[in-house]
Amino acid sequence: MDVGYVWDEEKYRKVQKKHDVMFYEVVNALEDPNGFEQADEAQWEEERWIWLGQTETGRLLVVVYSDEELPLCRIITAFEATGRWVDEYEQRS
Protein backbone atom coordinates (compact mmCIF):
# COMPACT_ATOMS: atom_id res chain seq x y z
CA MET A 1 0.00 0.00 0.00
CA ASP A 2 1.31 3.45 -0.89
CA VAL A 3 1.28 5.85 2.03
CA GLY A 4 0.93 9.62 1.78
CA TYR A 5 1.96 12.12 4.41
CA VAL A 6 -0.02 15.06 5.78
CA TRP A 7 0.85 17.66 8.39
CA ASP A 8 -1.42 20.33 9.82
CA GLU A 9 -0.12 23.60 8.34
CA GLU A 10 -0.13 25.54 11.61
CA LYS A 11 1.57 22.72 13.50
CA TYR A 12 4.14 22.39 10.72
CA ARG A 13 5.05 26.07 10.95
CA LYS A 14 5.53 25.78 14.72
CA VAL A 15 7.75 22.71 14.40
CA GLN A 16 9.69 24.27 11.53
CA LYS A 17 10.37 27.36 13.61
CA LYS A 18 11.16 25.54 16.87
CA HIS A 19 13.11 22.55 15.53
CA ASP A 20 14.20 23.70 12.05
CA VAL A 21 12.72 20.57 10.47
CA MET A 22 11.39 20.67 6.92
CA PHE A 23 8.53 18.52 5.61
CA TYR A 24 10.71 16.86 2.96
CA GLU A 25 13.22 15.86 5.67
CA VAL A 26 10.48 14.16 7.67
CA VAL A 27 9.29 12.20 4.65
CA ASN A 28 12.90 11.30 3.87
CA ALA A 29 13.44 10.04 7.45
CA LEU A 30 10.19 8.05 7.35
CA GLU A 31 11.49 6.26 4.26
CA ASP A 32 14.81 5.30 5.89
CA PRO A 33 15.17 1.51 5.39
CA ASN A 34 17.17 1.33 8.64
CA GLY A 35 14.59 3.34 10.56
CA PHE A 36 12.26 1.78 13.08
CA GLU A 37 9.08 2.54 14.97
CA GLN A 38 7.77 2.02 18.44
CA ALA A 39 4.46 2.74 20.08
CA ASP A 40 4.10 6.09 21.82
CA GLU A 41 3.32 4.99 25.38
CA ALA A 42 1.73 8.31 26.37
CA GLN A 43 -2.04 8.37 26.77
CA TRP A 44 -3.59 10.03 23.72
CA GLU A 45 -7.06 9.92 22.23
CA GLU A 46 -5.51 8.23 19.21
CA GLU A 47 -2.81 5.63 18.75
CA ARG A 48 0.51 7.32 18.02
CA TRP A 49 3.81 5.98 16.81
CA ILE A 50 7.39 7.18 17.11
CA TRP A 51 9.68 6.68 14.13
CA LEU A 52 13.44 7.12 14.29
CA GLY A 53 15.02 7.56 10.89
CA GLN A 54 17.88 9.22 9.09
CA THR A 55 17.62 11.57 6.13
CA GLU A 56 19.76 11.25 3.01
CA THR A 57 21.91 14.07 4.39
CA GLY A 58 22.54 12.15 7.62
CA ARG A 59 20.22 14.06 9.91
CA LEU A 60 18.61 11.73 12.46
CA LEU A 61 14.99 12.64 13.20
CA VAL A 62 12.38 11.54 15.70
CA VAL A 63 8.94 11.67 14.05
CA VAL A 64 5.68 11.25 15.95
CA TYR A 65 2.72 10.30 13.77
CA SER A 66 -0.68 8.67 13.64
CA ASP A 67 -1.66 6.12 11.03
CA GLU A 68 -5.35 5.93 11.89
CA GLU A 69 -6.23 7.58 8.59
CA LEU A 70 -4.32 5.22 6.29
CA PRO A 71 -3.35 5.50 3.51
CA LEU A 72 -2.51 8.94 4.93
CA CYS A 73 0.06 9.15 7.69
CA ARG A 74 -0.59 12.26 9.80
CA ILE A 75 2.61 13.76 11.12
CA ILE A 76 2.24 15.24 14.59
CA THR A 77 5.75 16.51 15.33
CA ALA A 78 9.39 15.96 14.43
CA PHE A 79 12.71 16.96 15.93
CA GLU A 80 16.39 16.13 15.72
CA ALA A 81 17.37 13.03 17.67
CA THR A 82 19.80 13.41 20.56
CA GLY A 83 21.11 11.30 23.43
CA ARG A 84 19.32 8.00 23.88
CA TRP A 85 17.62 8.28 20.49
CA VAL A 86 21.00 8.42 18.72
CA ASP A 87 22.30 5.50 20.79
CA GLU A 88 19.22 3.42 20.02
CA TYR A 89 19.46 4.10 16.28
CA GLU A 90 23.15 3.20 16.21
CA GLN A 91 22.51 -0.05 18.10
CA ARG A 92 19.71 -1.11 15.75
CA SER A 93 21.33 -0.07 12.47
PDB file of N, CA and C in Angstrom:
ATOM      1  N   MET A   1       0.842  -1.173   0.000  1.00  0.00           N
ATOM      2  CA  MET A   1       0.000   0.000   0.000  1.00  0.00           C
ATOM      3  C   MET A   1       0.893   1.244   0.000  1.00  0.00           C
ATOM      4  N   ASP A   2       0.599   2.172  -0.877  1.00  0.00           N
ATOM      5  CA  ASP A   2       1.306   3.451  -0.892  1.00  0.00           C
ATOM      6  C   ASP A   2       0.753   4.334   0.219  1.00  0.00           C
ATOM      7  N   VAL A   3       1.663   4.976   0.923  1.00  0.00           N
ATOM      8  CA  VAL A   3       1.278   5.846   2.031  1.00  0.00           C
ATOM      9  C   VAL A   3       1.616   7.280   1.675  1.00  0.00           C
ATOM     10  N   GLY A   4       0.685   8.190   1.954  1.00  0.00           N
ATOM     11  CA  GLY A   4       0.931   9.616   1.783  1.00  0.00           C
ATOM     12  C   GLY A   4       1.111  10.252   3.150  1.00  0.00           C
ATOM     13  N   TYR A   5       1.676  11.435   3.159  1.00  0.00           N
ATOM     14  CA  TYR A   5       1.957  12.118   4.413  1.00  0.00           C
ATOM     15  C   TYR A   5       1.255  13.467   4.449  1.00  0.00           C
ATOM     16  N   VAL A   6       0.631  13.764   5.577  1.00  0.00           N
ATOM     17  CA  VAL A   6      -0.021  15.056   5.776  1.00  0.00           C
ATOM     18  C   VAL A   6       0.443  15.628   7.108  1.00  0.00           C
ATOM     19  N   TRP A   7       0.421  16.970   7.179  1.00  0.00           N
ATOM     20  CA  TRP A   7       0.847  17.658   8.391  1.00  0.00           C
ATOM     21  C   TRP A   7       0.033  18.933   8.484  1.00  0.00           C
ATOM     22  N   ASP A   8      -0.652  19.118   9.589  1.00  0.00           N
ATOM     23  CA  ASP A   8      -1.419  20.332   9.816  1.00  0.00           C
ATOM     24  C   ASP A   8      -0.513  21.543   9.586  1.00  0.00           C
ATOM     25  N   GLU A   9      -0.959  22.463   8.745  1.00  0.00           N
ATOM     26  CA  GLU A   9      -0.123  23.603   8.336  1.00  0.00           C
ATOM     27  C   GLU A   9       0.352  24.447   9.518  1.00  0.00           C
ATOM     28  N   GLU A  10      -0.523  24.727  10.455  1.00  0.00           N
ATOM     29  CA  GLU A  10      -0.131  25.543  11.611  1.00  0.00           C
ATOM     30  C   GLU A  10       0.890  24.805  12.478  1.00  0.00           C
ATOM     31  N   LYS A  11       0.643  23.521  12.713  1.00  0.00           N
ATOM     32  CA  LYS A  11       1.573  22.716  13.504  1.00  0.00           C
ATOM     33  C   LYS A  11       2.926  22.622  12.796  1.00  0.00           C
ATOM     34  N   TYR A  12       2.891  22.460  11.485  1.00  0.00           N
ATOM     35  CA  TYR A  12       4.135  22.389  10.716  1.00  0.00           C
ATOM     36  C   TYR A  12       4.959  23.659  10.887  1.00  0.00           C
ATOM     37  N   ARG A  13       4.319  24.806  10.795  1.00  0.00           N
ATOM     38  CA  ARG A  13       5.051  26.075  10.947  1.00  0.00           C
ATOM     39  C   ARG A  13       5.693  26.179  12.331  1.00  0.00           C
ATOM     40  N   LYS A  14       4.982  25.742  13.355  1.00  0.00           N
ATOM     41  CA  LYS A  14       5.532  25.781  14.716  1.00  0.00           C
ATOM     42  C   LYS A  14       6.751  24.864  14.847  1.00  0.00           C
ATOM     43  N   VAL A  15       6.634  23.668  14.318  1.00  0.00           N
ATOM     44  CA  VAL A  15       7.745  22.715  14.397  1.00  0.00           C
ATOM     45  C   VAL A  15       8.926  23.201  13.564  1.00  0.00           C
ATOM     46  N   GLN A  16       8.626  23.747  12.395  1.00  0.00           N
ATOM     47  CA  GLN A  16       9.690  24.267  11.534  1.00  0.00           C
ATOM     48  C   GLN A  16      10.456  25.371  12.255  1.00  0.00           C
ATOM     49  N   LYS A  17       9.736  26.253  12.906  1.00  0.00           N
ATOM     50  CA  LYS A  17      10.371  27.364  13.612  1.00  0.00           C
ATOM     51  C   LYS A  17      11.147  26.879  14.839  1.00  0.00           C
ATOM     52  N   LYS A  18      10.540  25.997  15.619  1.00  0.00           N
ATOM     53  CA  LYS A  18      11.157  25.542  16.869  1.00  0.00           C
ATOM     54  C   LYS A  18      12.308  24.564  16.642  1.00  0.00           C
ATOM     55  N   HIS A  19      12.135  23.626  15.705  1.00  0.00           N
ATOM     56  CA  HIS A  19      13.109  22.546  15.529  1.00  0.00           C
ATOM     57  C   HIS A  19      13.874  22.601  14.207  1.00  0.00           C
ATOM     58  N   ASP A  20      13.533  23.563  13.348  1.00  0.00           N
ATOM     59  CA  ASP A  20      14.197  23.697  12.050  1.00  0.00           C
ATOM     60  C   ASP A  20      14.135  22.393  11.248  1.00  0.00           C
ATOM     61  N   VAL A  21      12.941  21.815  11.198  1.00  0.00           N
ATOM     62  CA  VAL A  21      12.720  20.574  10.466  1.00  0.00           C
ATOM     63  C   VAL A  21      11.772  20.854   9.304  1.00  0.00           C
ATOM     64  N   MET A  22      12.183  20.458   8.124  1.00  0.00           N
ATOM     65  CA  MET A  22      11.390  20.671   6.917  1.00  0.00           C
ATOM     66  C   MET A  22      10.559  19.419   6.607  1.00  0.00           C
ATOM     67  N   PHE A  23       9.429  19.618   5.943  1.00  0.00           N
ATOM     68  CA  PHE A  23       8.532  18.515   5.605  1.00  0.00           C
ATOM     69  C   PHE A  23       9.254  17.440   4.794  1.00  0.00           C
ATOM     70  N   TYR A  24      10.036  17.846   3.800  1.00  0.00           N
ATOM     71  CA  TYR A  24      10.714  16.864   2.956  1.00  0.00           C
ATOM     72  C   TYR A  24      11.710  16.031   3.766  1.00  0.00           C
ATOM     73  N   GLU A  25      12.304  16.621   4.819  1.00  0.00           N
ATOM     74  CA  GLU A  25      13.225  15.862   5.667  1.00  0.00           C
ATOM     75  C   GLU A  25      12.476  14.787   6.451  1.00  0.00           C
ATOM     76  N   VAL A  26      11.287  15.120   6.919  1.00  0.00           N
ATOM     77  CA  VAL A  26      10.482  14.161   7.671  1.00  0.00           C
ATOM     78  C   VAL A  26      10.104  12.984   6.779  1.00  0.00           C
ATOM     79  N   VAL A  27       9.640  13.268   5.582  1.00  0.00           N
ATOM     80  CA  VAL A  27       9.287  12.200   4.648  1.00  0.00           C
ATOM     81  C   VAL A  27      10.514  11.351   4.356  1.00  0.00           C
ATOM     82  N   ASN A  28      11.645  12.001   4.137  1.00  0.00           N
ATOM     83  CA  ASN A  28      12.897  11.296   3.869  1.00  0.00           C
ATOM     84  C   ASN A  28      13.263  10.377   5.038  1.00  0.00           C
ATOM     85  N   ALA A  29      13.137  10.861   6.270  1.00  0.00           N
ATOM     86  CA  ALA A  29      13.441  10.044   7.451  1.00  0.00           C
ATOM     87  C   ALA A  29      12.461   8.878   7.585  1.00  0.00           C
ATOM     88  N   LEU A  30      11.188   9.116   7.273  1.00  0.00           N
ATOM     89  CA  LEU A  30      10.187   8.049   7.351  1.00  0.00           C
ATOM     90  C   LEU A  30      10.441   6.948   6.325  1.00  0.00           C
ATOM     91  N   GLU A  31      11.185   7.247   5.296  1.00  0.00           N
ATOM     92  CA  GLU A  31      11.490   6.261   4.259  1.00  0.00           C
ATOM     93  C   GLU A  31      12.856   5.608   4.454  1.00  0.00           C
ATOM     94  N   ASP A  32      13.511   5.893   5.573  1.00  0.00           N
ATOM     95  CA  ASP A  32      14.809   5.296   5.889  1.00  0.00           C
ATOM     96  C   ASP A  32      14.644   3.788   6.072  1.00  0.00           C
ATOM     97  N   PRO A  33      15.311   2.963   5.245  1.00  0.00           N
ATOM     98  CA  PRO A  33      15.173   1.513   5.386  1.00  0.00           C
ATOM     99  C   PRO A  33      15.744   0.977   6.702  1.00  0.00           C
ATOM    100  N   ASN A  34      16.611   1.732   7.346  1.00  0.00           N
ATOM    101  CA  ASN A  34      17.166   1.326   8.638  1.00  0.00           C
ATOM    102  C   ASN A  34      16.390   1.920   9.811  1.00  0.00           C
ATOM    103  N   GLY A  35      15.387   2.725   9.512  1.00  0.00           N
ATOM    104  CA  GLY A  35      14.586   3.336  10.563  1.00  0.00           C
ATOM    105  C   GLY A  35      13.698   2.309  11.237  1.00  0.00           C
ATOM    106  N   PHE A  36      13.143   2.691  12.365  1.00  0.00           N
ATOM    107  CA  PHE A  36      12.255   1.781  13.084  1.00  0.00           C
ATOM    108  C   PHE A  36      11.226   2.583  13.867  1.00  0.00           C
ATOM    109  N   GLU A  37      10.150   1.888  14.229  1.00  0.00           N
ATOM    110  CA  GLU A  37       9.076   2.542  14.968  1.00  0.00           C
ATOM    111  C   GLU A  37       8.833   1.837  16.288  1.00  0.00           C
ATOM    112  N   GLN A  38       8.234   2.586  17.176  1.00  0.00           N
ATOM    113  CA  GLN A  38       7.775   2.022  18.440  1.00  0.00           C
ATOM    114  C   GLN A  38       6.511   2.766  18.833  1.00  0.00           C
ATOM    115  N   ALA A  39       5.703   2.110  19.631  1.00  0.00           N
ATOM    116  CA  ALA A  39       4.459   2.739  20.079  1.00  0.00           C
ATOM    117  C   ALA A  39       4.776   3.898  21.009  1.00  0.00           C
ATOM    118  N   ASP A  40       4.007   4.966  20.887  1.00  0.00           N
ATOM    119  CA  ASP A  40       4.097   6.088  21.820  1.00  0.00           C
ATOM    120  C   ASP A  40       3.290   5.676  23.047  1.00  0.00           C
ATOM    121  N   GLU A  41       3.964   5.509  24.163  1.00  0.00           N
ATOM    122  CA  GLU A  41       3.320   4.990  25.375  1.00  0.00           C
ATOM    123  C   GLU A  41       2.447   6.014  26.099  1.00  0.00           C
ATOM    124  N   ALA A  42       2.547   7.280  25.722  1.00  0.00           N
ATOM    125  CA  ALA A  42       1.730   8.313  26.369  1.00  0.00           C
ATOM    126  C   ALA A  42       0.250   8.064  26.075  1.00  0.00           C
ATOM    127  N   GLN A  43      -0.597   8.543  26.928  1.00  0.00           N
ATOM    128  CA  GLN A  43      -2.039   8.369  26.768  1.00  0.00           C
ATOM    129  C   GLN A  43      -2.604   9.469  25.873  1.00  0.00           C
ATOM    130  N   TRP A  44      -2.999   9.100  24.681  1.00  0.00           N
ATOM    131  CA  TRP A  44      -3.587  10.028  23.718  1.00  0.00           C
ATOM    132  C   TRP A  44      -4.958   9.510  23.325  1.00  0.00           C
ATOM    133  N   GLU A  45      -5.748  10.356  22.720  1.00  0.00           N
ATOM    134  CA  GLU A  45      -7.059   9.922  22.230  1.00  0.00           C
ATOM    135  C   GLU A  45      -6.922   9.005  21.025  1.00  0.00           C
ATOM    136  N   GLU A  46      -5.772   9.051  20.388  1.00  0.00           N
ATOM    137  CA  GLU A  46      -5.508   8.231  19.214  1.00  0.00           C
ATOM    138  C   GLU A  46      -4.224   7.443  19.441  1.00  0.00           C
ATOM    139  N   GLU A  47      -4.056   6.390  18.689  1.00  0.00           N
ATOM    140  CA  GLU A  47      -2.815   5.631  18.754  1.00  0.00           C
ATOM    141  C   GLU A  47      -1.731   6.395  17.996  1.00  0.00           C
ATOM    142  N   ARG A  48      -0.596   6.597  18.642  1.00  0.00           N
ATOM    143  CA  ARG A  48       0.510   7.322  18.022  1.00  0.00           C
ATOM    144  C   ARG A  48       1.751   6.447  17.993  1.00  0.00           C
ATOM    145  N   TRP A  49       2.578   6.723  17.002  1.00  0.00           N
ATOM    146  CA  TRP A  49       3.815   5.979  16.807  1.00  0.00           C
ATOM    147  C   TRP A  49       4.992   6.939  16.770  1.00  0.00           C
ATOM    148  N   ILE A  50       6.141   6.422  17.178  1.00  0.00           N
ATOM    149  CA  ILE A  50       7.387   7.184  17.113  1.00  0.00           C
ATOM    150  C   ILE A  50       8.297   6.477  16.121  1.00  0.00           C
ATOM    151  N   TRP A  51       8.775   7.221  15.140  1.00  0.00           N
ATOM    152  CA  TRP A  51       9.684   6.684  14.129  1.00  0.00           C
ATOM    153  C   TRP A  51      11.031   7.373  14.289  1.00  0.00           C
ATOM    154  N   LEU A  52      12.084   6.597  14.229  1.00  0.00           N
ATOM    155  CA  LEU A  52      13.436   7.124  14.286  1.00  0.00           C
ATOM    156  C   LEU A  52      14.105   6.775  12.973  1.00  0.00           C
ATOM    157  N   GLY A  53      14.439   7.800  12.197  1.00  0.00           N
ATOM    158  CA  GLY A  53      15.021   7.556  10.887  1.00  0.00           C
ATOM    159  C   GLY A  53      15.982   8.653  10.485  1.00  0.00           C
ATOM    160  N   GLN A  54      16.849   8.296   9.550  1.00  0.00           N
ATOM    161  CA  GLN A  54      17.883   9.220   9.092  1.00  0.00           C
ATOM    162  C   GLN A  54      17.561   9.710   7.686  1.00  0.00           C
ATOM    163  N   THR A  55      17.822  10.989   7.454  1.00  0.00           N
ATOM    164  CA  THR A  55      17.619  11.567   6.130  1.00  0.00           C
ATOM    165  C   THR A  55      18.805  11.221   5.238  1.00  0.00           C
ATOM    166  N   GLU A  56      18.661  11.488   3.954  1.00  0.00           N
ATOM    167  CA  GLU A  56      19.759  11.248   3.011  1.00  0.00           C
ATOM    168  C   GLU A  56      20.982  12.089   3.338  1.00  0.00           C
ATOM    169  N   THR A  57      20.781  13.210   4.024  1.00  0.00           N
ATOM    170  CA  THR A  57      21.910  14.073   4.391  1.00  0.00           C
ATOM    171  C   THR A  57      22.506  13.689   5.742  1.00  0.00           C
ATOM    172  N   GLY A  58      21.982  12.640   6.375  1.00  0.00           N
ATOM    173  CA  GLY A  58      22.542  12.146   7.624  1.00  0.00           C
ATOM    174  C   GLY A  58      21.917  12.698   8.888  1.00  0.00           C
ATOM    175  N   ARG A  59      20.892  13.497   8.742  1.00  0.00           N
ATOM    176  CA  ARG A  59      20.219  14.058   9.914  1.00  0.00           C
ATOM    177  C   ARG A  59      19.282  13.005  10.502  1.00  0.00           C
ATOM    178  N   LEU A  60      19.427  12.733  11.788  1.00  0.00           N
ATOM    179  CA  LEU A  60      18.614  11.733  12.462  1.00  0.00           C
ATOM    180  C   LEU A  60      17.417  12.418  13.111  1.00  0.00           C
ATOM    181  N   LEU A  61      16.209  11.999  12.717  1.00  0.00           N
ATOM    182  CA  LEU A  61      14.990  12.642  13.195  1.00  0.00           C
ATOM    183  C   LEU A  61      14.102  11.682  13.971  1.00  0.00           C
ATOM    184  N   VAL A  62      13.448  12.222  14.976  1.00  0.00           N
ATOM    185  CA  VAL A  62      12.379  11.536  15.695  1.00  0.00           C
ATOM    186  C   VAL A  62      11.080  12.109  15.143  1.00  0.00           C
ATOM    187  N   VAL A  63      10.204  11.240  14.647  1.00  0.00           N
ATOM    188  CA  VAL A  63       8.941  11.671  14.051  1.00  0.00           C
ATOM    189  C   VAL A  63       7.799  10.989  14.804  1.00  0.00           C
ATOM    190  N   VAL A  64       6.872  11.786  15.289  1.00  0.00           N
ATOM    191  CA  VAL A  64       5.678  11.249  15.949  1.00  0.00           C
ATOM    192  C   VAL A  64       4.529  11.375  14.958  1.00  0.00           C
ATOM    193  N   TYR A  65       3.792  10.284  14.769  1.00  0.00           N
ATOM    194  CA  TYR A  65       2.724  10.303  13.775  1.00  0.00           C
ATOM    195  C   TYR A  65       1.588   9.376  14.179  1.00  0.00           C
ATOM    196  N   SER A  66       0.480   9.531  13.478  1.00  0.00           N
ATOM    197  CA  SER A  66      -0.682   8.669  13.638  1.00  0.00           C
ATOM    198  C   SER A  66      -0.992   8.055  12.283  1.00  0.00           C
ATOM    199  N   ASP A  67      -1.313   6.770  12.296  1.00  0.00           N
ATOM    200  CA  ASP A  67      -1.658   6.117  11.030  1.00  0.00           C
ATOM    201  C   ASP A  67      -3.116   5.674  11.004  1.00  0.00           C
ATOM    202  N   GLU A  68      -3.933   6.307  11.823  1.00  0.00           N
ATOM    203  CA  GLU A  68      -5.345   5.933  11.893  1.00  0.00           C
ATOM    204  C   GLU A  68      -6.123   6.294  10.635  1.00  0.00           C
ATOM    205  N   GLU A  69      -5.537   7.132   9.791  1.00  0.00           N
ATOM    206  CA  GLU A  69      -6.232   7.582   8.586  1.00  0.00           C
ATOM    207  C   GLU A  69      -5.588   7.010   7.326  1.00  0.00           C
ATOM    208  N   LEU A  70      -4.981   5.825   7.443  1.00  0.00           N
ATOM    209  CA  LEU A  70      -4.318   5.224   6.287  1.00  0.00           C
ATOM    210  C   LEU A  70      -5.251   5.212   5.088  1.00  0.00           C
ATOM    211  N   PRO A  71      -4.752   5.479   3.899  1.00  0.00           N
ATOM    212  CA  PRO A  71      -3.348   5.497   3.508  1.00  0.00           C
ATOM    213  C   PRO A  71      -2.630   6.818   3.775  1.00  0.00           C
ATOM    214  N   LEU A  72      -3.213   7.706   4.566  1.00  0.00           N
ATOM    215  CA  LEU A  72      -2.514   8.938   4.933  1.00  0.00           C
ATOM    216  C   LEU A  72      -1.911   8.793   6.322  1.00  0.00           C
ATOM    217  N   CYS A  73      -0.652   9.138   6.421  1.00  0.00           N
ATOM    218  CA  CYS A  73       0.064   9.151   7.687  1.00  0.00           C
ATOM    219  C   CYS A  73       0.097  10.603   8.149  1.00  0.00           C
ATOM    220  N   ARG A  74      -0.530  10.881   9.298  1.00  0.00           N
ATOM    221  CA  ARG A  74      -0.594  12.257   9.796  1.00  0.00           C
ATOM    222  C   ARG A  74       0.578  12.513  10.731  1.00  0.00           C
ATOM    223  N   ILE A  75       1.452  13.411  10.320  1.00  0.00           N
ATOM    224  CA  ILE A  75       2.614  13.763  11.122  1.00  0.00           C
ATOM    225  C   ILE A  75       2.164  14.706  12.230  1.00  0.00           C
ATOM    226  N   ILE A  76       2.608  14.429  13.440  1.00  0.00           N
ATOM    227  CA  ILE A  76       2.241  15.242  14.592  1.00  0.00           C
ATOM    228  C   ILE A  76       3.372  16.189  14.954  1.00  0.00           C
ATOM    229  N   THR A  77       4.583  15.668  15.046  1.00  0.00           N
ATOM    230  CA  THR A  77       5.747  16.507  15.327  1.00  0.00           C
ATOM    231  C   THR A  77       7.008  15.794  14.868  1.00  0.00           C
ATOM    232  N   ALA A  78       8.089  16.523  14.805  1.00  0.00           N
ATOM    233  CA  ALA A  78       9.387  15.962  14.435  1.00  0.00           C
ATOM    234  C   ALA A  78      10.481  16.844  15.014  1.00  0.00           C
ATOM    235  N   PHE A  79      11.575  16.206  15.385  1.00  0.00           N
ATOM    236  CA  PHE A  79      12.707  16.959  15.933  1.00  0.00           C
ATOM    237  C   PHE A  79      13.978  16.138  15.763  1.00  0.00           C
ATOM    238  N   GLU A  80      15.111  16.803  15.870  1.00  0.00           N
ATOM    239  CA  GLU A  80      16.389  16.126  15.716  1.00  0.00           C
ATOM    240  C   GLU A  80      16.640  15.216  16.915  1.00  0.00           C
ATOM    241  N   ALA A  81      17.088  14.008  16.623  1.00  0.00           N
ATOM    242  CA  ALA A  81      17.369  13.033  17.672  1.00  0.00           C
ATOM    243  C   ALA A  81      18.644  13.399  18.419  1.00  0.00           C
ATOM    244  N   THR A  82      18.619  13.203  19.725  1.00  0.00           N
ATOM    245  CA  THR A  82      19.800  13.409  20.565  1.00  0.00           C
ATOM    246  C   THR A  82      19.862  12.283  21.591  1.00  0.00           C
ATOM    247  N   GLY A  83      20.965  12.206  22.299  1.00  0.00           N
ATOM    248  CA  GLY A  83      21.112  11.298  23.432  1.00  0.00           C
ATOM    249  C   GLY A  83      20.705   9.868  23.175  1.00  0.00           C
ATOM    250  N   ARG A  84      19.734   9.410  23.956  1.00  0.00           N
ATOM    251  CA  ARG A  84      19.324   7.999  23.883  1.00  0.00           C
ATOM    252  C   ARG A  84      18.770   7.610  22.519  1.00  0.00           C
ATOM    253  N   TRP A  85      18.158   8.576  21.827  1.00  0.00           N
ATOM    254  CA  TRP A  85      17.625   8.285  20.492  1.00  0.00           C
ATOM    255  C   TRP A  85      18.757   7.925  19.536  1.00  0.00           C
ATOM    256  N   VAL A  86      19.839   8.690  19.588  1.00  0.00           N
ATOM    257  CA  VAL A  86      20.996   8.421  18.725  1.00  0.00           C
ATOM    258  C   VAL A  86      21.586   7.060  19.073  1.00  0.00           C
ATOM    259  N   ASP A  87      21.755   6.792  20.352  1.00  0.00           N
ATOM    260  CA  ASP A  87      22.302   5.503  20.792  1.00  0.00           C
ATOM    261  C   ASP A  87      21.440   4.345  20.308  1.00  0.00           C
ATOM    262  N   GLU A  88      20.135   4.490  20.436  1.00  0.00           N
ATOM    263  CA  GLU A  88      19.222   3.421  20.022  1.00  0.00           C
ATOM    264  C   GLU A  88      19.301   3.177  18.516  1.00  0.00           C
ATOM    265  N   TYR A  89      19.366   4.255  17.736  1.00  0.00           N
ATOM    266  CA  TYR A  89      19.460   4.101  16.283  1.00  0.00           C
ATOM    267  C   TYR A  89      20.758   3.388  15.911  1.00  0.00           C
ATOM    268  N   GLU A  90      21.857   3.798  16.524  1.00  0.00           N
ATOM    269  CA  GLU A  90      23.155   3.196  16.215  1.00  0.00           C
ATOM    270  C   GLU A  90      23.185   1.718  16.591  1.00  0.00           C
ATOM    271  N   GLN A  91      22.542   1.352  17.681  1.00  0.00           N
ATOM    272  CA  GLN A  91      22.506  -0.049  18.098  1.00  0.00           C
ATOM    273  C   GLN A  91      21.676  -0.899  17.146  1.00  0.00           C
ATOM    274  N   ARG A  92      20.611  -0.339  16.615  1.00  0.00           N
ATOM    275  CA  ARG A  92      19.709  -1.113  15.748  1.00  0.00           C
ATOM    276  C   ARG A  92      20.128  -1.117  14.286  1.00  0.00           C
ATOM    277  N   SER A  93      20.945  -0.173  13.894  1.00  0.00           N
ATOM    278  CA  SER A  93      21.330  -0.073  12.470  1.00  0.00           C
ATOM    279  C   SER A  93      22.527  -0.943  12.152  1.00  0.00           C
TER     280      SER A  93
END
